N, C-alpha and C. Protein backbone atom coordinates (compact mmCIF):
# COMPACT_ATOMS: atom_id res chain seq x y z
N UNK A 1 12.12 7.67 15.13
CA UNK A 1 12.25 6.32 14.50
C UNK A 1 10.79 5.94 13.65
N UNK A 2 10.56 6.00 12.54
CA UNK A 2 9.31 5.29 12.02
C UNK A 2 9.34 4.41 11.36
N UNK A 3 8.05 3.72 12.08
CA UNK A 3 7.54 2.33 11.22
C UNK A 3 6.21 1.83 10.75
N UNK A 4 6.42 1.44 9.44
CA UNK A 4 4.89 0.83 8.88
C UNK A 4 5.08 -0.44 9.15
N UNK A 5 3.51 -0.73 9.93
CA UNK A 5 3.37 -2.57 9.77
C UNK A 5 2.18 -2.47 9.02
N UNK A 6 2.64 -3.84 8.23
CA UNK A 6 1.22 -3.85 7.27
C UNK A 6 0.40 -5.66 7.83
N UNK A 7 -0.59 -5.08 7.29
CA UNK A 7 -1.65 -6.27 7.92
C UNK A 7 -2.22 -6.63 6.71
N UNK A 8 -2.68 -8.02 6.46
CA UNK A 8 -3.85 -8.61 5.80
C UNK A 8 -2.83 -9.15 4.70
N UNK A 9 -3.58 -9.38 3.56
CA UNK A 9 -2.64 -10.00 2.44
C UNK A 9 -3.06 -11.84 2.36
N UNK A 10 -2.65 -12.70 1.63
CA UNK A 10 -3.11 -13.87 1.50
C UNK A 10 -3.51 -14.69 0.66
N UNK A 11 -3.94 -15.68 0.33
CA UNK A 11 -4.27 -16.22 -0.62
C UNK A 11 -5.39 -16.36 -0.98
N UNK A 12 -5.86 -15.76 -2.14
CA UNK A 12 -7.21 -15.64 -2.55
C UNK A 12 -7.55 -16.12 -3.81
N UNK A 13 -8.57 -16.59 -4.39
CA UNK A 13 -8.94 -17.03 -5.54
C UNK A 13 -9.37 -16.10 -6.83
N UNK A 14 -9.10 -16.23 -7.72
CA UNK A 14 -9.26 -15.02 -9.29
C UNK A 14 -10.61 -14.76 -9.17
N UNK A 15 -10.74 -13.86 -9.07
CA UNK A 15 -12.37 -12.76 -9.02
C UNK A 15 -12.10 -12.57 -7.60
N UNK A 16 -11.72 -12.69 -6.41
CA UNK A 16 -12.07 -12.69 -5.18
C UNK A 16 -11.61 -11.45 -4.48
N UNK A 17 -11.70 -11.19 -3.19
CA UNK A 17 -11.29 -9.63 -2.91
C UNK A 17 -10.60 -10.00 -1.82
N UNK A 18 -10.01 -8.87 -1.63
CA UNK A 18 -8.56 -8.83 -0.30
C UNK A 18 -9.12 -7.54 0.20
N UNK A 19 -8.10 -7.25 1.42
CA UNK A 19 -7.56 -5.93 2.32
C UNK A 19 -6.53 -5.92 2.51
N UNK A 20 -5.77 -4.71 2.69
CA UNK A 20 -4.52 -4.50 3.03
C UNK A 20 -4.51 -3.24 4.11
N UNK A 21 -4.13 -3.28 5.13
CA UNK A 21 -3.41 -1.72 6.04
C UNK A 21 -2.15 -1.96 6.21
N UNK A 22 -1.75 -0.33 6.45
CA UNK A 22 -0.41 -0.24 7.25
C UNK A 22 -0.50 0.82 8.04
N UNK A 23 -0.05 0.62 9.11
CA UNK A 23 -0.24 1.45 10.46
C UNK A 23 1.26 2.29 10.64
N UNK A 24 1.05 3.55 10.67
CA UNK A 24 2.62 4.39 10.50
C UNK A 24 2.81 4.63 12.31
N UNK A 25 4.06 4.76 12.59
CA UNK A 25 3.89 4.79 13.84
C UNK A 25 5.57 5.53 14.34
N UNK A 26 5.68 6.29 15.04
CA UNK A 26 6.66 6.99 15.42
C UNK A 26 6.65 8.50 15.37
N UNK A 27 7.53 9.15 14.96
CA UNK A 27 7.34 11.02 15.33
C UNK A 27 7.68 11.47 14.19
N UNK A 28 7.39 12.41 13.81
CA UNK A 28 7.03 13.21 12.27
C UNK A 28 6.18 14.91 12.91
N UNK A 29 6.56 15.46 11.57
CA UNK A 29 5.70 16.36 11.53
C UNK A 29 4.86 16.50 10.87
N UNK A 30 4.69 15.75 9.50
CA UNK A 30 3.64 15.64 8.72
C UNK A 30 3.82 14.25 8.01
N UNK A 31 2.62 13.78 7.71
CA UNK A 31 2.63 12.80 6.33
C UNK A 31 2.05 13.11 5.17
N UNK A 32 3.29 13.41 4.10
CA UNK A 32 2.96 13.73 2.78
C UNK A 32 2.14 12.67 1.85
N UNK A 33 2.33 11.67 2.51
CA UNK A 33 1.57 10.59 1.50
C UNK A 33 2.10 9.30 1.70
N UNK A 34 0.80 8.57 1.81
CA UNK A 34 0.95 6.95 2.16
C UNK A 34 0.41 5.94 0.67
N UNK A 35 1.24 4.55 0.33
CA UNK A 35 0.48 4.03 -0.25
C UNK A 35 1.13 2.95 -0.52
N UNK A 36 0.98 1.99 -1.39
CA UNK A 36 1.24 1.01 -1.97
C UNK A 36 2.32 0.73 -3.33
N UNK A 37 3.01 0.10 -3.18
CA UNK A 37 3.73 -0.57 -4.11
C UNK A 37 3.84 -2.60 -4.29
N UNK A 38 4.42 -2.88 -5.51
CA UNK A 38 4.17 -4.12 -5.41
C UNK A 38 5.57 -4.97 -6.45
N UNK A 39 5.72 -6.03 -5.75
CA UNK A 39 6.91 -6.46 -6.76
C UNK A 39 6.52 -8.08 -6.78
N UNK A 40 6.47 -8.31 -8.30
CA UNK A 40 6.30 -10.18 -8.46
C UNK A 40 7.52 -10.52 -8.67
N UNK A 41 7.89 -11.64 -8.61
CA UNK A 41 9.04 -12.44 -8.69
C UNK A 41 9.40 -12.20 -10.10
N UNK A 42 10.82 -12.11 -9.98
CA UNK A 42 11.52 -11.50 -11.40
C UNK A 42 10.98 -10.23 -12.06
N UNK A 43 10.40 -9.22 -11.24
CA UNK A 43 9.73 -8.21 -12.08
C UNK A 43 10.45 -6.74 -10.77
N UNK A 44 10.55 -5.70 -11.68
CA UNK A 44 11.09 -4.47 -10.68
C UNK A 44 9.72 -4.02 -9.83
N UNK A 45 9.60 -3.43 -8.80
CA UNK A 45 8.78 -2.93 -7.69
C UNK A 45 8.01 -1.67 -8.60
N UNK A 46 7.12 -1.82 -8.53
CA UNK A 46 5.92 -1.07 -8.94
C UNK A 46 4.87 -0.36 -7.81
N UNK A 47 4.66 0.95 -8.69
CA UNK A 47 3.55 1.65 -7.84
C UNK A 47 2.09 0.79 -7.41
N UNK A 48 1.53 0.60 -7.05
CA UNK A 48 0.13 0.13 -6.98
C UNK A 48 -0.83 1.24 -6.87
N UNK A 49 -0.78 2.10 -5.90
CA UNK A 49 -1.62 3.59 -5.26
C UNK A 49 -0.90 3.92 -4.42
N UNK A 50 -1.34 5.39 -4.50
CA UNK A 50 -1.08 6.48 -3.34
C UNK A 50 -1.72 7.39 -3.29
N UNK A 51 -1.69 8.00 -1.88
CA UNK A 51 -2.67 8.92 -1.71
C UNK A 51 -2.29 9.92 -0.61
N UNK A 52 -2.15 11.00 -1.17
CA UNK A 52 -1.84 11.95 -0.45
C UNK A 52 -2.58 12.86 0.85
N UNK A 53 -1.81 13.23 1.61
CA UNK A 53 -2.23 13.97 2.53
C UNK A 53 -3.63 14.73 2.04
N UNK A 54 -3.70 15.27 1.35
CA UNK A 54 -5.07 16.14 0.82
C UNK A 54 -6.22 15.26 0.63
N UNK A 55 -5.82 13.71 0.04
CA UNK A 55 -7.03 12.79 0.51
C UNK A 55 -6.90 12.60 -1.31
N UNK A 56 -5.89 12.94 -2.47
CA UNK A 56 -5.79 12.76 -3.72
C UNK A 56 -5.33 11.32 -3.74
N UNK A 57 -5.68 10.44 -4.76
CA UNK A 57 -5.11 9.14 -5.09
C UNK A 57 -4.73 8.76 -6.53
N UNK A 58 -3.74 8.58 -6.67
CA UNK A 58 -3.44 7.57 -8.03
C UNK A 58 -3.19 6.44 -8.21
N UNK A 59 -3.91 5.80 -8.97
CA UNK A 59 -3.41 4.32 -9.43
C UNK A 59 -2.71 3.94 -10.55
N UNK A 60 -1.91 2.88 -10.53
CA UNK A 60 -1.93 2.37 -11.76
C UNK A 60 -2.78 1.69 -12.83
N UNK A 61 -2.62 1.74 -13.92
CA UNK A 61 -3.43 1.54 -14.73
C UNK A 61 -3.98 -0.03 -15.08
N UNK A 62 -3.32 -1.01 -14.18
CA UNK A 62 -3.57 -2.25 -14.27
C UNK A 62 -4.43 -2.31 -13.37
N UNK A 63 -4.47 -1.19 -12.19
CA UNK A 63 -5.61 -1.47 -10.89
C UNK A 63 -6.50 -0.51 -10.76
N UNK A 64 -6.78 0.08 -12.10
CA UNK A 64 -7.69 1.28 -11.63
C UNK A 64 -9.10 0.54 -12.20
N UNK A 65 -9.99 0.92 -11.06
CA UNK A 65 -11.58 0.21 -11.27
C UNK A 65 -11.44 -0.87 -10.58
N UNK A 66 -10.39 -1.64 -9.71
CA UNK A 66 -10.68 -2.90 -9.11
C UNK A 66 -9.93 -2.62 -7.50
N UNK A 67 -8.85 -1.63 -7.30
CA UNK A 67 -8.53 -1.47 -6.18
C UNK A 67 -8.88 0.19 -5.83
N UNK A 68 -8.86 -0.04 -4.56
CA UNK A 68 -9.56 1.06 -3.94
C UNK A 68 -8.43 1.71 -2.90
N UNK A 69 -7.62 2.94 -3.02
CA UNK A 69 -7.10 3.31 -1.76
C UNK A 69 -7.62 4.18 -0.98
N UNK A 70 -7.56 3.84 0.69
CA UNK A 70 -8.10 4.89 1.45
C UNK A 70 -7.03 5.20 2.81
N UNK A 71 -7.73 6.35 3.12
CA UNK A 71 -6.57 6.45 4.61
C UNK A 71 -7.34 7.16 5.95
N UNK A 72 -6.91 6.66 6.91
CA UNK A 72 -7.50 6.97 8.25
C UNK A 72 -6.28 8.32 8.81
N UNK A 73 -7.03 9.60 8.99
CA UNK A 73 -5.57 10.24 8.96
C UNK A 73 -5.20 10.02 10.99
N UNK A 74 -6.39 9.69 11.71
CA UNK A 74 -6.45 9.72 13.00
C UNK A 74 -5.42 8.56 13.17
N UNK A 75 -5.88 7.33 12.70
CA UNK A 75 -4.92 6.14 13.07
C UNK A 75 -3.39 6.22 12.07
N UNK A 76 -3.53 6.90 11.32
CA UNK A 76 -2.37 7.12 10.51
C UNK A 76 -1.94 5.86 9.52
N UNK A 77 -3.09 5.34 9.40
CA UNK A 77 -3.59 4.11 8.36
C UNK A 77 -3.74 4.52 6.97
N UNK A 78 -3.16 4.00 6.37
CA UNK A 78 -3.75 3.32 5.10
C UNK A 78 -4.34 2.11 4.61
N UNK A 79 -5.58 2.09 3.73
CA UNK A 79 -5.69 0.90 3.59
C UNK A 79 -5.98 0.62 1.91
N UNK A 80 -5.88 -0.54 1.37
CA UNK A 80 -6.07 -0.94 0.12
C UNK A 80 -6.79 -2.09 0.26
N UNK A 81 -8.09 -1.69 -0.91
CA UNK A 81 -8.93 -2.83 -1.19
C UNK A 81 -8.68 -3.03 -2.28
N UNK A 82 -8.93 -4.69 -2.89
CA UNK A 82 -8.52 -5.19 -4.01
C UNK A 82 -9.63 -6.51 -3.94
N UNK A 83 -10.44 -5.68 -5.54
CA UNK A 83 -11.63 -6.16 -5.67
C UNK A 83 -11.06 -6.86 -6.99
N UNK A 84 -11.70 -8.06 -7.90
CA UNK A 84 -11.53 -8.45 -9.06
C UNK A 84 -10.28 -9.11 -8.88
N UNK A 85 -9.64 -9.62 -8.05
CA UNK A 85 -8.20 -10.03 -8.18
C UNK A 85 -8.12 -10.72 -9.13
N UNK A 86 -7.14 -11.15 -9.96
CA UNK A 86 -6.26 -12.00 -10.96
C UNK A 86 -5.17 -12.33 -10.78
N UNK A 87 -4.46 -13.53 -11.23
CA UNK A 87 -3.08 -13.91 -10.99
C UNK A 87 -2.16 -13.13 -11.49
N UNK A 88 -1.91 -12.32 -11.90
CA UNK A 88 -1.20 -11.38 -11.95
C UNK A 88 -1.01 -10.26 -10.78
N UNK A 89 -2.17 -10.00 -10.52
CA UNK A 89 -1.78 -9.35 -9.21
C UNK A 89 -1.05 -10.00 -8.19
N UNK A 90 -0.73 -11.43 -8.11
CA UNK A 90 0.37 -11.83 -7.31
C UNK A 90 1.51 -11.43 -7.17
N UNK A 91 2.26 -11.05 -5.85
CA UNK A 91 3.12 -10.53 -5.57
C UNK A 91 3.32 -9.90 -3.86
N UNK A 92 4.42 -9.36 -3.81
CA UNK A 92 4.61 -8.91 -2.32
C UNK A 92 4.38 -7.33 -2.41
N UNK A 93 3.41 -7.04 -1.66
CA UNK A 93 2.91 -5.96 -1.74
C UNK A 93 3.53 -5.23 -0.32
N UNK A 94 4.31 -4.02 -0.64
CA UNK A 94 4.94 -3.14 0.23
C UNK A 94 4.07 -1.82 0.52
N UNK A 95 3.96 -1.06 1.58
CA UNK A 95 3.54 0.14 2.34
C UNK A 95 4.57 0.77 1.80
N UNK A 96 4.38 2.16 1.55
CA UNK A 96 5.23 3.11 1.28
C UNK A 96 4.98 4.75 2.02
N UNK A 97 5.59 5.28 2.29
CA UNK A 97 5.25 6.63 2.85
C UNK A 97 6.35 7.59 3.06
N UNK A 98 6.08 8.66 2.38
CA UNK A 98 7.06 10.14 2.49
C UNK A 98 6.72 10.86 3.81
N UNK A 99 7.57 11.17 4.89
CA UNK A 99 7.10 11.76 5.93
C UNK A 99 8.14 12.96 6.56
N UNK A 100 7.73 13.57 6.92
CA UNK A 100 8.43 15.05 7.23
C UNK A 100 8.73 14.96 8.66
N UNK A 101 10.19 15.03 9.16
CA UNK A 101 10.22 15.60 10.75
C UNK A 101 11.60 16.49 10.12
N UNK A 102 11.25 17.33 10.63
CA UNK A 102 11.86 18.56 10.44
C UNK A 102 13.75 18.42 10.50
N UNK A 103 14.36 18.79 9.82
CA UNK A 103 14.39 18.99 8.36
C UNK A 103 14.37 18.69 7.08
N UNK A 104 13.78 17.40 7.76
CA UNK A 104 14.08 16.05 6.70
C UNK A 104 12.67 15.64 6.05
N UNK A 105 12.92 15.10 4.60
CA UNK A 105 11.77 14.32 4.28
C UNK A 105 12.12 13.27 3.96
N UNK A 106 11.50 12.20 4.53
CA UNK A 106 12.23 10.64 4.01
C UNK A 106 11.34 10.32 3.76
N UNK A 107 11.61 8.78 2.88
CA UNK A 107 10.93 7.73 2.40
C UNK A 107 10.99 6.44 3.27
N UNK A 108 9.97 6.06 3.40
CA UNK A 108 9.69 4.74 4.36
C UNK A 108 9.35 3.59 3.97
N UNK A 109 9.41 2.10 4.01
CA UNK A 109 9.13 0.99 3.43
C UNK A 109 8.47 0.21 4.52
N UNK A 110 7.58 -0.60 4.41
CA UNK A 110 7.43 -1.36 5.05
C UNK A 110 7.90 -2.79 4.72
N UNK A 111 7.50 -4.26 5.44
CA UNK A 111 8.17 -5.66 5.55
C UNK A 111 7.70 -6.13 4.89
N UNK A 112 6.64 -6.20 4.05
CA UNK A 112 5.93 -6.43 2.63
C UNK A 112 4.94 -7.50 3.25
N UNK A 113 4.17 -7.51 2.48
CA UNK A 113 3.12 -8.80 2.48
C UNK A 113 2.60 -9.52 1.16
N UNK A 114 2.49 -10.62 1.81
CA UNK A 114 2.26 -11.46 0.29
C UNK A 114 0.95 -11.39 -0.24
N UNK A 115 0.80 -11.45 -1.42
CA UNK A 115 -0.50 -11.65 -1.97
C UNK A 115 -0.61 -12.74 -3.32
N UNK A 116 -1.52 -13.48 -2.62
CA UNK A 116 -1.38 -14.78 -3.65
C UNK A 116 -2.85 -14.99 -4.29
N UNK A 117 -2.99 -14.65 -5.73
CA UNK A 117 -4.32 -15.08 -6.29
C UNK A 117 -4.34 -16.35 -7.06
N UNK A 118 -4.66 -17.27 -6.78
CA UNK A 118 -4.33 -18.69 -7.71
C UNK A 118 -5.92 -19.40 -7.16
N UNK A 119 -6.23 -20.18 -7.91
CA UNK A 119 -7.39 -21.31 -7.75
C UNK A 119 -6.83 -22.76 -7.50
């Protein structure tokens, strides 16, 4: 069984910075990609950033230039560095991963961590 355990998040003032991390544990053949989604109250869950096993990253337009996704393959961990935070970044952030364990590719989610941007 695969688990995604998130850490980080919290309360930060507008313009501030915050970091999230997500560690995968369990058994698999390979991790295809890992990333972050977020869901604000009353809104649908949306992709924030994703990074592939090869290191290619993509971002939502709303966070480009402010957020940076990175990974540590040895630790099976993905990070999200969030700079210049805005109140509209307030949401529950969920770690997401697509992990292959022969013969199935499955999607996994973390439990979510709250990020609140407010003065």
